[in-house]
Every structure is written in structure tokens, then in C-alpha cells.
Amino acid sequence: GTFLNGITRQRVIGLLRAAGVTVHEVTLTVADFHEADEIFSTGNISKVVPCIAFEERKLAFGPIAQKARALYWDWAHS
């Protein structure tokens, strides 16, 4: 499946890249999610939200998700 190329998603990608974060847009497998250090999603209502669990595995609100959220909120409130 694919995800929508949403406005919030594109804004977050642009903000991360402008902040010097390398962003790769690729199709992920379930195995990729199992191996991920962190997972977050973007959306019109929630903006940037960490995924705190994937199946049986707990995940932290990691540094990239924290940076993405901070960059988005700084942009939104400027």
C-alpha cells in the first residue's frame, strides 16, 4: 500500500531537510518497522505523532520525531 503525499507530510519533510536532516522517501516493509529505532506519523489533525509500540515492541519518542514535532510547531506558530 501507499500513503497520501499529504500537506503536513511534505511540510515536515521540508522542515527536516532545511534543518540538515537527511530524509529518504522509500517504500517500507513490515521488517523495516520491526527494525526501526523510532516510528512517527504525520497528519492534518495530529501533525507529528510518535508510534509508541509496534506489535509487541515498545518504542520511544525518539530524537527525529521530537525534532520533527518541534520544527513543525515552531513553523506553525511563527
C-alpha atoms as a PDB file:
ATOM      1  CA  GLY A   1       0.000   0.000   0.000  1.00  0.00           C
ATOM      2  CA  THR A   2       0.895   3.644  -0.185  1.00  0.00           C
ATOM      3  CA  PHE A   3       0.299   6.709   1.912  1.00  0.00           C
ATOM      4  CA  LEU A   4      -1.074  10.002   0.707  1.00  0.00           C
ATOM      5  CA  ASN A   5       1.508  12.604  -0.167  1.00  0.00           C
ATOM      6  CA  GLY A   6      -0.119  14.987   2.298  1.00  0.00           C
ATOM      7  CA  ILE A   7       0.487  18.646   3.002  1.00  0.00           C
ATOM      8  CA  THR A   8       1.640  18.054   6.585  1.00  0.00           C
ATOM      9  CA  ARG A   9       3.914  15.205   5.473  1.00  0.00           C
ATOM     10  CA  GLN A  10       5.553  17.396   2.831  1.00  0.00           C
ATOM     11  CA  ARG A  11       5.900  20.301   5.275  1.00  0.00           C
ATOM     12  CA  VAL A  12       7.616  18.072   7.872  1.00  0.00           C
ATOM     13  CA  ILE A  13       9.953  16.587   5.253  1.00  0.00           C
ATOM     14  CA  GLY A  14      10.862  20.093   4.058  1.00  0.00           C
ATOM     15  CA  LEU A  15      11.455  21.367   7.586  1.00  0.00           C
ATOM     16  CA  LEU A  16      13.649  18.373   8.450  1.00  0.00           C
ATOM     17  CA  ARG A  17      15.694  18.789   5.263  1.00  0.00           C
ATOM     18  CA  ALA A  18      16.076  22.537   5.894  1.00  0.00           C
ATOM     19  CA  ALA A  19      17.372  21.663   9.373  1.00  0.00           C
ATOM     20  CA  GLY A  20      20.038  19.412   7.843  1.00  0.00           C
ATOM     21  CA  VAL A  21      18.343  16.058   8.444  1.00  0.00           C
ATOM     22  CA  THR A  22      18.727  13.574   5.586  1.00  0.00           C
ATOM     23  CA  VAL A  23      15.290  12.287   4.582  1.00  0.00           C
ATOM     24  CA  HIS A  24      14.854   9.210   2.380  1.00  0.00           C
ATOM     25  CA  GLU A  25      11.411   8.579   0.896  1.00  0.00           C
ATOM     26  CA  VAL A  26      11.162   4.824   0.350  1.00  0.00           C
ATOM     27  CA  THR A  27       8.589   2.051   0.487  1.00  0.00           C
ATOM     28  CA  LEU A  28       8.940   0.194   3.790  1.00  0.00           C
ATOM     29  CA  THR A  29       8.328  -3.445   4.602  1.00  0.00           C
ATOM     30  CA  VAL A  30       6.986  -4.886   7.837  1.00  0.00           C
ATOM     31  CA  ALA A  31      10.561  -6.000   8.574  1.00  0.00           C
ATOM     32  CA  ASP A  32      11.672  -2.357   8.304  1.00  0.00           C
ATOM     33  CA  PHE A  33       9.173  -1.420  11.014  1.00  0.00           C
ATOM     34  CA  HIS A  34      10.424  -4.267  13.211  1.00  0.00           C
ATOM     35  CA  GLU A  35      13.997  -2.972  12.861  1.00  0.00           C
ATOM     36  CA  ALA A  36      13.209   0.750  13.222  1.00  0.00           C
ATOM     37  CA  ASP A  37      14.687   2.747  16.097  1.00  0.00           C
ATOM     38  CA  GLU A  38      11.646   5.007  16.031  1.00  0.00           C
ATOM     39  CA  ILE A  39       8.417   5.446  14.084  1.00  0.00           C
ATOM     40  CA  PHE A  40       6.208   8.512  13.757  1.00  0.00           C
ATOM     41  CA  SER A  41       3.347   9.639  11.590  1.00  0.00           C
ATOM     42  CA  THR A  42       2.146  12.960  10.253  1.00  0.00           C
ATOM     43  CA  GLY A  43      -1.356  14.121   9.535  1.00  0.00           C
ATOM     44  CA  ASN A  44      -3.669  17.086   9.301  1.00  0.00           C
ATOM     45  CA  ILE A  45      -5.245  16.566  12.726  1.00  0.00           C
ATOM     46  CA  SER A  46      -2.348  15.121  14.719  1.00  0.00           C
ATOM     47  CA  LYS A  47       0.533  16.869  12.888  1.00  0.00           C
ATOM     48  CA  VAL A  48       3.502  14.782  14.219  1.00  0.00           C
ATOM     49  CA  VAL A  49       2.799  11.822  16.499  1.00  0.00           C
ATOM     50  CA  PRO A  50       5.224   9.152  17.728  1.00  0.00           C
ATOM     51  CA  CYS A  51       4.313   5.494  17.442  1.00  0.00           C
ATOM     52  CA  ILE A  52       4.998   4.143  20.937  1.00  0.00           C
ATOM     53  CA  ALA A  53       4.517   0.460  20.095  1.00  0.00           C
ATOM     54  CA  PHE A  54       4.671  -1.797  17.067  1.00  0.00           C
ATOM     55  CA  GLU A  55       3.127  -5.207  17.607  1.00  0.00           C
ATOM     56  CA  GLU A  56       4.778  -6.478  20.834  1.00  0.00           C
ATOM     57  CA  ARG A  57       7.674  -3.998  20.776  1.00  0.00           C
ATOM     58  CA  LYS A  58       7.628  -0.720  22.694  1.00  0.00           C
ATOM     59  CA  LEU A  59       9.214   2.322  21.066  1.00  0.00           C
ATOM     60  CA  ALA A  60      10.452   5.609  22.467  1.00  0.00           C
ATOM     61  CA  PHE A  61       9.510   9.103  21.309  1.00  0.00           C
ATOM     62  CA  GLY A  62      12.842   9.306  19.514  1.00  0.00           C
ATOM     63  CA  PRO A  63      15.052  12.261  18.632  1.00  0.00           C
ATOM     64  CA  ILE A  64      13.989  12.536  14.982  1.00  0.00           C
ATOM     65  CA  ALA A  65      10.287  12.504  15.857  1.00  0.00           C
ATOM     66  CA  GLN A  66      10.938  15.053  18.604  1.00  0.00           C
ATOM     67  CA  LYS A  67      12.844  17.250  16.151  1.00  0.00           C
ATOM     68  CA  ALA A  68      10.097  16.888  13.524  1.00  0.00           C
ATOM     69  CA  ARG A  69       7.424  17.882  16.036  1.00  0.00           C
ATOM     70  CA  ALA A  70       9.446  20.851  17.352  1.00  0.00           C
ATOM     71  CA  LEU A  71      10.226  22.102  13.839  1.00  0.00           C
ATOM     72  CA  TYR A  72       6.587  21.812  12.816  1.00  0.00           C
ATOM     73  CA  TRP A  73       5.272  23.636  15.902  1.00  0.00           C
ATOM     74  CA  ASP A  74       7.917  26.367  15.556  1.00  0.00           C
ATOM     75  CA  TRP A  75       6.874  26.830  11.917  1.00  0.00           C
ATOM     76  CA  ALA A  76       3.147  26.763  12.746  1.00  0.00           C
ATOM     77  CA  HIS A  77       3.499  29.361  15.491  1.00  0.00           C
ATOM     78  CA  SER A  78       5.789  31.734  13.581  1.00  0.00           C
END
